[in-house]
Amino acid sequence: MRGPFMKIARTVVRRIARSLTLSRYNDFTIAAYFRKQGTHIGENNRIEVRTLGAEPDLVRIGNHCTIGPNVAFICHDGATWLFTEEFPSLQKFGTIEIMDNCFIGINTTILGNVRIGPNSIVGACSVVTKDVPPNSVVAGNPARVVSTVEEYKKKVLRIWEKQRPPGYFEGLEDGGKYSPEYIQQMKFKELSKLMEHLNKVCWSEAKERDSALSQHTGDKK
């Protein structure tokens, strides 16, 4: 009994120690922890995960990137397990590189031997199996190009004209040099103002859509 108990105890202690270590970091400072694991990471990133997979030294992240929650980095091919009786040492690995100014959405999975080009967006819940071209938006399983970043930018700017509350981020100029951490602090500070405005605008838009759909259905009849 002593052997299994000691093994469980050591596992629990290691998990507690890791949790305590990670508690010292936030989304803007966790890069320092990953660098200690051998990961090459640039500056001004927001990283919302606390693991870069089993091979963090095979992951590289550039500057000014967001890595959303629950993003999985798969640098190894576990399916080689099928052949271990014939080839006991057989394994297969690949690198993952996320270049400057990229956004990786929540619950995305990135496989090995993939490079995500600069100024790119990966939509939530995507599975990235091959390189992502620079300045592109990809989404899906497997992830495919759905638009350019410039097209996406124009779309969200049109929407934000309606959704931005009066006086929101007052004093901060477009094009100003602000750190990602400072911008995030401002978003938390003005969250109530934003939500109050969105509650009016978004539900009003939903009502208009319902009215248009009802009218369209009635015209068909």
C-alpha atoms as a PDB file:
ATOM      1  CA  MET A   1       0.000   0.000   0.000  1.00  0.00           C
ATOM      2  CA  ARG A   2       2.848   2.349   0.792  1.00  0.00           C
ATOM      3  CA  GLY A   3       4.133   2.414  -2.814  1.00  0.00           C
ATOM      4  CA  PRO A   4       0.825   3.422  -4.480  1.00  0.00           C
ATOM      5  CA  PHE A   5       0.044   5.875  -1.660  1.00  0.00           C
ATOM      6  CA  MET A   6       3.413   7.606  -2.015  1.00  0.00           C
ATOM      7  CA  LYS A   7       2.946   7.838  -5.782  1.00  0.00           C
ATOM      8  CA  ILE A   8      -0.464   9.472  -5.360  1.00  0.00           C
ATOM      9  CA  ALA A   9       0.913  11.814  -2.696  1.00  0.00           C
ATOM     10  CA  ARG A  10       3.779  12.937  -4.948  1.00  0.00           C
ATOM     11  CA  THR A  11       1.343  13.558  -7.812  1.00  0.00           C
ATOM     12  CA  VAL A  12      -0.893  15.676  -5.567  1.00  0.00           C
ATOM     13  CA  VAL A  13       2.092  17.659  -4.268  1.00  0.00           C
ATOM     14  CA  ARG A  14       3.314  18.345  -7.811  1.00  0.00           C
ATOM     15  CA  ARG A  15      -0.130  19.558  -8.884  1.00  0.00           C
ATOM     16  CA  ILE A  16      -0.435  21.835  -5.877  1.00  0.00           C
ATOM     17  CA  ALA A  17       3.059  23.216  -6.477  1.00  0.00           C
ATOM     18  CA  ARG A  18       2.239  23.901 -10.141  1.00  0.00           C
ATOM     19  CA  SER A  19      -1.020  25.623  -9.216  1.00  0.00           C
ATOM     20  CA  LEU A  20       0.790  27.832  -6.715  1.00  0.00           C
ATOM     21  CA  THR A  21       3.431  28.709  -9.302  1.00  0.00           C
ATOM     22  CA  LEU A  22       0.849  29.559 -11.971  1.00  0.00           C
ATOM     23  CA  SER A  23      -1.116  31.716  -9.520  1.00  0.00           C
ATOM     24  CA  ARG A  24       1.759  34.206  -9.604  1.00  0.00           C
ATOM     25  CA  TYR A  25       1.076  34.989 -13.264  1.00  0.00           C
ATOM     26  CA  ASN A  26      -1.729  36.556 -15.278  1.00  0.00           C
ATOM     27  CA  ASP A  27      -2.546  36.549 -18.992  1.00  0.00           C
ATOM     28  CA  PHE A  28       0.049  39.254 -19.646  1.00  0.00           C
ATOM     29  CA  THR A  29       2.913  37.840 -17.574  1.00  0.00           C
ATOM     30  CA  ILE A  30       2.533  34.070 -18.149  1.00  0.00           C
ATOM     31  CA  ALA A  31       4.960  34.343 -21.072  1.00  0.00           C
ATOM     32  CA  ALA A  32       7.798  34.490 -18.518  1.00  0.00           C
ATOM     33  CA  TYR A  33       6.724  31.075 -17.176  1.00  0.00           C
ATOM     34  CA  PHE A  34       6.631  29.539 -20.652  1.00  0.00           C
ATOM     35  CA  ARG A  35      10.052  30.966 -21.492  1.00  0.00           C
ATOM     36  CA  LYS A  36      11.440  29.012 -18.539  1.00  0.00           C
ATOM     37  CA  GLN A  37      10.023  25.888 -20.211  1.00  0.00           C
ATOM     38  CA  GLY A  38      11.969  26.638 -23.386  1.00  0.00           C
ATOM     39  CA  THR A  39       9.296  28.429 -25.438  1.00  0.00           C
ATOM     40  CA  HIS A  40      10.335  31.382 -27.605  1.00  0.00           C
ATOM     41  CA  ILE A  41       7.772  34.151 -26.975  1.00  0.00           C
ATOM     42  CA  GLY A  42       7.844  37.802 -27.998  1.00  0.00           C
ATOM     43  CA  GLU A  43       6.425  40.840 -26.201  1.00  0.00           C
ATOM     44  CA  ASN A  44       3.008  42.424 -25.585  1.00  0.00           C
ATOM     45  CA  ASN A  45       1.046  39.176 -25.736  1.00  0.00           C
ATOM     46  CA  ARG A  46      -2.167  38.102 -24.009  1.00  0.00           C
ATOM     47  CA  ILE A  47      -1.979  34.373 -23.353  1.00  0.00           C
ATOM     48  CA  GLU A  48      -5.082  32.884 -21.717  1.00  0.00           C
ATOM     49  CA  VAL A  49      -3.819  29.294 -21.470  1.00  0.00           C
ATOM     50  CA  ARG A  50      -1.594  27.855 -18.754  1.00  0.00           C
ATOM     51  CA  THR A  51      -0.043  25.061 -20.819  1.00  0.00           C
ATOM     52  CA  LEU A  52       1.487  24.934 -24.284  1.00  0.00           C
ATOM     53  CA  GLY A  53       1.243  21.159 -24.464  1.00  0.00           C
ATOM     54  CA  ALA A  54       3.716  18.398 -23.788  1.00  0.00           C
ATOM     55  CA  GLU A  55       6.506  19.955 -25.883  1.00  0.00           C
ATOM     56  CA  PRO A  56       6.557  23.700 -25.099  1.00  0.00           C
ATOM     57  CA  ASP A  57      10.058  24.042 -26.566  1.00  0.00           C
ATOM     58  CA  LEU A  58       8.582  23.198 -30.004  1.00  0.00           C
ATOM     59  CA  VAL A  59       6.212  26.200 -29.800  1.00  0.00           C
ATOM     60  CA  ARG A  60       7.100  29.746 -30.848  1.00  0.00           C
ATOM     61  CA  ILE A  61       4.888  32.813 -30.408  1.00  0.00           C
ATOM     62  CA  GLY A  62       5.710  36.241 -31.838  1.00  0.00           C
ATOM     63  CA  ASN A  63       4.768  39.730 -30.646  1.00  0.00           C
ATOM     64  CA  HIS A  64       1.318  41.160 -29.906  1.00  0.00           C
ATOM     65  CA  CYS A  65      -0.647  37.908 -30.092  1.00  0.00           C
ATOM     66  CA  THR A  66      -3.724  36.713 -28.237  1.00  0.00           C
ATOM     67  CA  ILE A  67      -4.021  33.020 -27.419  1.00  0.00           C
ATOM     68  CA  GLY A  68      -7.596  32.354 -26.280  1.00  0.00           C
ATOM     69  CA  PRO A  69      -8.734  29.990 -23.512  1.00  0.00           C
ATOM     70  CA  ASN A  70      -8.406  26.216 -24.041  1.00  0.00           C
ATOM     71  CA  VAL A  71      -6.224  26.475 -27.140  1.00  0.00           C
ATOM     72  CA  ALA A  72      -4.451  23.111 -27.583  1.00  0.00           C
ATOM     73  CA  PHE A  73      -0.928  22.825 -29.000  1.00  0.00           C
ATOM     74  CA  ILE A  74      -0.359  19.305 -30.403  1.00  0.00           C
ATOM     75  CA  CYS A  75       3.297  18.987 -31.394  1.00  0.00           C
ATOM     76  CA  HIS A  76       3.339  15.186 -31.281  1.00  0.00           C
ATOM     77  CA  ASP A  77       1.507  12.492 -33.229  1.00  0.00           C
ATOM     78  CA  GLY A  78       0.143  10.093 -30.612  1.00  0.00           C
ATOM     79  CA  ALA A  79      -1.129   7.679 -33.263  1.00  0.00           C
ATOM     80  CA  THR A  80       2.359   6.197 -33.583  1.00  0.00           C
ATOM     81  CA  TRP A  81       1.306   4.158 -30.534  1.00  0.00           C
ATOM     82  CA  LEU A  82      -0.184   1.613 -32.955  1.00  0.00           C
ATOM     83  CA  PHE A  83       3.296   0.607 -34.102  1.00  0.00           C
ATOM     84  CA  THR A  84       5.180   0.544 -30.793  1.00  0.00           C
ATOM     85  CA  GLU A  85       5.208  -3.252 -30.514  1.00  0.00           C
ATOM     86  CA  GLU A  86       7.008  -3.395 -33.851  1.00  0.00           C
ATOM     87  CA  PHE A  87       9.062  -0.186 -33.384  1.00  0.00           C
ATOM     88  CA  PRO A  88       9.310   0.586 -29.627  1.00  0.00           C
ATOM     89  CA  SER A  89      11.062   3.960 -30.040  1.00  0.00           C
ATOM     90  CA  LEU A  90       8.856   5.278 -32.874  1.00  0.00           C
ATOM     91  CA  GLN A  91       7.578   8.846 -32.369  1.00  0.00           C
ATOM     92  CA  LYS A  92       6.730  11.841 -34.576  1.00  0.00           C
ATOM     93  CA  PHE A  93       6.950  15.549 -33.730  1.00  0.00           C
ATOM     94  CA  GLY A  94       6.420  18.930 -35.402  1.00  0.00           C
ATOM     95  CA  THR A  95       6.798  22.599 -34.542  1.00  0.00           C
ATOM     96  CA  ILE A  96       4.084  25.224 -34.124  1.00  0.00           C
ATOM     97  CA  GLU A  97       4.886  28.850 -34.911  1.00  0.00           C
ATOM     98  CA  ILE A  98       2.498  31.756 -34.370  1.00  0.00           C
ATOM     99  CA  MET A  99       3.949  34.874 -35.942  1.00  0.00           C
ATOM    100  CA  ASP A 100       3.437  38.538 -34.985  1.00  0.00           C
ATOM    101  CA  ASN A 101       0.010  40.110 -34.416  1.00  0.00           C
ATOM    102  CA  CYS A 102      -2.207  37.024 -34.477  1.00  0.00           C
ATOM    103  CA  PHE A 103      -5.430  36.091 -32.689  1.00  0.00           C
ATOM    104  CA  ILE A 104      -6.151  32.445 -31.854  1.00  0.00           C
ATOM    105  CA  GLY A 105      -9.778  31.910 -30.784  1.00  0.00           C
ATOM    106  CA  ILE A 106     -11.093  29.897 -27.849  1.00  0.00           C
ATOM    107  CA  ASN A 107     -11.012  26.063 -28.050  1.00  0.00           C
ATOM    108  CA  THR A 108      -8.803  26.012 -31.142  1.00  0.00           C
ATOM    109  CA  THR A 109      -6.536  23.009 -31.771  1.00  0.00           C
ATOM    110  CA  ILE A 110      -3.241  23.554 -33.607  1.00  0.00           C
ATOM    111  CA  LEU A 111      -1.376  20.532 -34.958  1.00  0.00           C
ATOM    112  CA  GLY A 112       2.368  20.177 -35.451  1.00  0.00           C
ATOM    113  CA  ASN A 113       4.234  21.398 -38.536  1.00  0.00           C
ATOM    114  CA  VAL A 114       1.992  24.476 -38.731  1.00  0.00           C
ATOM    115  CA  ARG A 115       2.948  28.125 -39.127  1.00  0.00           C
ATOM    116  CA  ILE A 116       0.322  30.809 -38.608  1.00  0.00           C
ATOM    117  CA  GLY A 117       1.373  33.795 -40.686  1.00  0.00           C
ATOM    118  CA  PRO A 118       1.560  37.357 -39.317  1.00  0.00           C
ATOM    119  CA  ASN A 119      -1.593  39.480 -38.932  1.00  0.00           C
ATOM    120  CA  SER A 120      -3.897  36.462 -38.997  1.00  0.00           C
ATOM    121  CA  ILE A 121      -7.031  35.395 -37.142  1.00  0.00           C
ATOM    122  CA  VAL A 122      -8.030  31.834 -36.271  1.00  0.00           C
ATOM    123  CA  GLY A 123     -11.729  31.544 -35.442  1.00  0.00           C
ATOM    124  CA  ALA A 124     -12.997  29.872 -32.284  1.00  0.00           C
ATOM    125  CA  CYS A 125     -13.126  26.052 -32.194  1.00  0.00           C
ATOM    126  CA  SER A 126     -11.010  25.695 -35.334  1.00  0.00           C
ATOM    127  CA  VAL A 127      -8.661  22.788 -36.034  1.00  0.00           C
ATOM    128  CA  VAL A 128      -5.544  24.086 -37.789  1.00  0.00           C
ATOM    129  CA  THR A 129      -3.887  21.320 -39.804  1.00  0.00           C
ATOM    130  CA  LYS A 130      -1.788  23.369 -42.254  1.00  0.00           C
ATOM    131  CA  ASP A 131      -0.076  26.740 -42.586  1.00  0.00           C
ATOM    132  CA  VAL A 132      -2.230  29.860 -42.347  1.00  0.00           C
ATOM    133  CA  PRO A 133      -1.361  32.550 -44.943  1.00  0.00           C
ATOM    134  CA  PRO A 134      -0.426  36.021 -43.656  1.00  0.00           C
ATOM    135  CA  ASN A 135      -3.218  38.608 -43.329  1.00  0.00           C
ATOM    136  CA  SER A 136      -5.997  36.024 -43.430  1.00  0.00           C
ATOM    137  CA  VAL A 137      -8.961  34.854 -41.363  1.00  0.00           C
ATOM    138  CA  VAL A 138      -9.424  31.087 -41.090  1.00  0.00           C
ATOM    139  CA  ALA A 139     -12.096  29.017 -39.364  1.00  0.00           C
ATOM    140  CA  GLY A 140     -13.569  25.518 -39.269  1.00  0.00           C
ATOM    141  CA  ASN A 141     -12.428  21.903 -39.052  1.00  0.00           C
ATOM    142  CA  PRO A 142     -10.110  21.747 -40.837  1.00  0.00           C
ATOM    143  CA  ALA A 143      -9.504  25.493 -40.776  1.00  0.00           C
ATOM    144  CA  ARG A 144      -9.936  27.228 -44.155  1.00  0.00           C
ATOM    145  CA  VAL A 145      -9.527  30.830 -45.295  1.00  0.00           C
ATOM    146  CA  VAL A 146     -12.857  32.667 -45.017  1.00  0.00           C
ATOM    147  CA  SER A 147     -11.719  36.258 -45.630  1.00  0.00           C
ATOM    148  CA  THR A 148      -8.788  38.630 -45.518  1.00  0.00           C
ATOM    149  CA  VAL A 149      -7.987  40.516 -42.331  1.00  0.00           C
ATOM    150  CA  GLU A 150      -8.677  43.799 -44.157  1.00  0.00           C
ATOM    151  CA  GLU A 151     -12.198  42.641 -45.073  1.00  0.00           C
ATOM    152  CA  TYR A 152     -12.783  41.568 -41.467  1.00  0.00           C
ATOM    153  CA  LYS A 153     -11.472  44.921 -40.196  1.00  0.00           C
ATOM    154  CA  LYS A 154     -13.883  46.903 -42.379  1.00  0.00           C
ATOM    155  CA  LYS A 155     -16.790  44.720 -41.226  1.00  0.00           C
ATOM    156  CA  VAL A 156     -16.131  45.087 -37.490  1.00  0.00           C
ATOM    157  CA  LEU A 157     -15.519  48.855 -37.815  1.00  0.00           C
ATOM    158  CA  ARG A 158     -18.972  49.256 -39.395  1.00  0.00           C
ATOM    159  CA  ILE A 159     -20.553  47.268 -36.558  1.00  0.00           C
ATOM    160  CA  TRP A 160     -18.603  49.113 -33.857  1.00  0.00           C
ATOM    161  CA  GLU A 161     -19.917  52.472 -35.076  1.00  0.00           C
ATOM    162  CA  LYS A 162     -23.328  51.362 -33.786  1.00  0.00           C
ATOM    163  CA  GLN A 163     -22.192  49.396 -30.752  1.00  0.00           C
ATOM    164  CA  ARG A 164     -19.674  51.840 -29.257  1.00  0.00           C
ATOM    165  CA  PRO A 165     -21.168  53.756 -26.313  1.00  0.00           C
ATOM    166  CA  PRO A 166     -20.824  57.568 -26.272  1.00  0.00           C
ATOM    167  CA  GLY A 167     -17.709  58.559 -24.328  1.00  0.00           C
ATOM    168  CA  TYR A 168     -16.338  55.017 -24.276  1.00  0.00           C
ATOM    169  CA  PHE A 169     -12.527  54.952 -23.818  1.00  0.00           C
ATOM    170  CA  GLU A 170     -12.626  58.742 -23.599  1.00  0.00           C
ATOM    171  CA  GLY A 171      -9.117  60.165 -23.744  1.00  0.00           C
ATOM    172  CA  LEU A 172      -7.631  57.243 -25.671  1.00  0.00           C
ATOM    173  CA  GLU A 173      -6.874  58.047 -29.284  1.00  0.00           C
ATOM    174  CA  ASP A 174      -7.149  55.610 -32.188  1.00  0.00           C
ATOM    175  CA  GLY A 175      -3.642  54.698 -33.247  1.00  0.00           C
ATOM    176  CA  GLY A 176      -2.215  55.517 -29.818  1.00  0.00           C
ATOM    177  CA  LYS A 177       0.478  53.275 -28.379  1.00  0.00           C
ATOM    178  CA  TYR A 178      -1.135  51.527 -25.401  1.00  0.00           C
ATOM    179  CA  SER A 179      -0.068  48.222 -23.911  1.00  0.00           C
ATOM    180  CA  PRO A 180      -2.474  45.261 -24.234  1.00  0.00           C
ATOM    181  CA  GLU A 181      -2.637  45.052 -20.429  1.00  0.00           C
ATOM    182  CA  TYR A 182      -3.658  48.707 -20.124  1.00  0.00           C
ATOM    183  CA  ILE A 183      -6.347  48.317 -22.793  1.00  0.00           C
ATOM    184  CA  GLN A 184      -7.728  45.276 -20.957  1.00  0.00           C
ATOM    185  CA  GLN A 185      -7.821  47.262 -17.708  1.00  0.00           C
ATOM    186  CA  MET A 186      -9.807  49.999 -19.459  1.00  0.00           C
ATOM    187  CA  LYS A 187     -12.277  47.413 -20.780  1.00  0.00           C
ATOM    188  CA  PHE A 188     -12.919  46.130 -17.255  1.00  0.00           C
ATOM    189  CA  LYS A 189     -13.213  49.680 -15.940  1.00  0.00           C
ATOM    190  CA  GLU A 190     -15.872  50.643 -18.500  1.00  0.00           C
ATOM    191  CA  LEU A 191     -17.633  47.272 -18.688  1.00  0.00           C
ATOM    192  CA  SER A 192     -20.887  48.486 -17.105  1.00  0.00           C
ATOM    193  CA  LYS A 193     -21.117  51.390 -19.574  1.00  0.00           C
ATOM    194  CA  LEU A 194     -20.540  49.034 -22.499  1.00  0.00           C
ATOM    195  CA  MET A 195     -23.068  46.420 -21.361  1.00  0.00           C
ATOM    196  CA  GLU A 196     -25.766  49.009 -20.689  1.00  0.00           C
ATOM    197  CA  HIS A 197     -25.353  50.343 -24.219  1.00  0.00           C
ATOM    198  CA  LEU A 198     -25.153  46.891 -25.840  1.00  0.00           C
ATOM    199  CA  ASN A 199     -28.306  45.779 -24.026  1.00  0.00           C
ATOM    200  CA  LYS A 200     -30.205  48.493 -25.890  1.00  0.00           C
ATOM    201  CA  VAL A 201     -28.486  48.308 -29.276  1.00  0.00           C
ATOM    202  CA  CYS A 202     -28.191  44.526 -29.719  1.00  0.00           C
ATOM    203  CA  TRP A 203     -31.735  43.687 -28.576  1.00  0.00           C
ATOM    204  CA  SER A 204     -33.078  46.478 -30.777  1.00  0.00           C
ATOM    205  CA  GLU A 205     -31.244  44.970 -33.748  1.00  0.00           C
ATOM    206  CA  ALA A 206     -32.581  41.506 -32.867  1.00  0.00           C
ATOM    207  CA  LYS A 207     -36.125  42.903 -32.823  1.00  0.00           C
ATOM    208  CA  GLU A 208     -35.580  44.500 -36.240  1.00  0.00           C
ATOM    209  CA  ARG A 209     -34.336  41.186 -37.643  1.00  0.00           C
ATOM    210  CA  ASP A 210     -37.365  39.356 -36.252  1.00  0.00           C
ATOM    211  CA  SER A 211     -39.668  41.972 -37.791  1.00  0.00           C
ATOM    212  CA  ALA A 212     -37.948  41.738 -41.177  1.00  0.00           C
ATOM    213  CA  LEU A 213     -38.089  37.923 -41.089  1.00  0.00           C
ATOM    214  CA  SER A 214     -41.767  37.982 -40.174  1.00  0.00           C
ATOM    215  CA  GLN A 215     -42.514  40.397 -43.001  1.00  0.00           C
ATOM    216  CA  HIS A 216     -40.513  38.272 -45.457  1.00  0.00           C
ATOM    217  CA  THR A 217     -42.414  35.144 -44.401  1.00  0.00           C
ATOM    218  CA  GLY A 218     -45.724  36.970 -44.747  1.00  0.00           C
ATOM    219  CA  ASP A 219     -44.838  38.189 -48.248  1.00  0.00           C
ATOM    220  CA  LYS A 220     -44.177  34.587 -49.338  1.00  0.00           C
ATOM    221  CA  LYS A 221     -47.622  33.543 -48.138  1.00  0.00           C
END
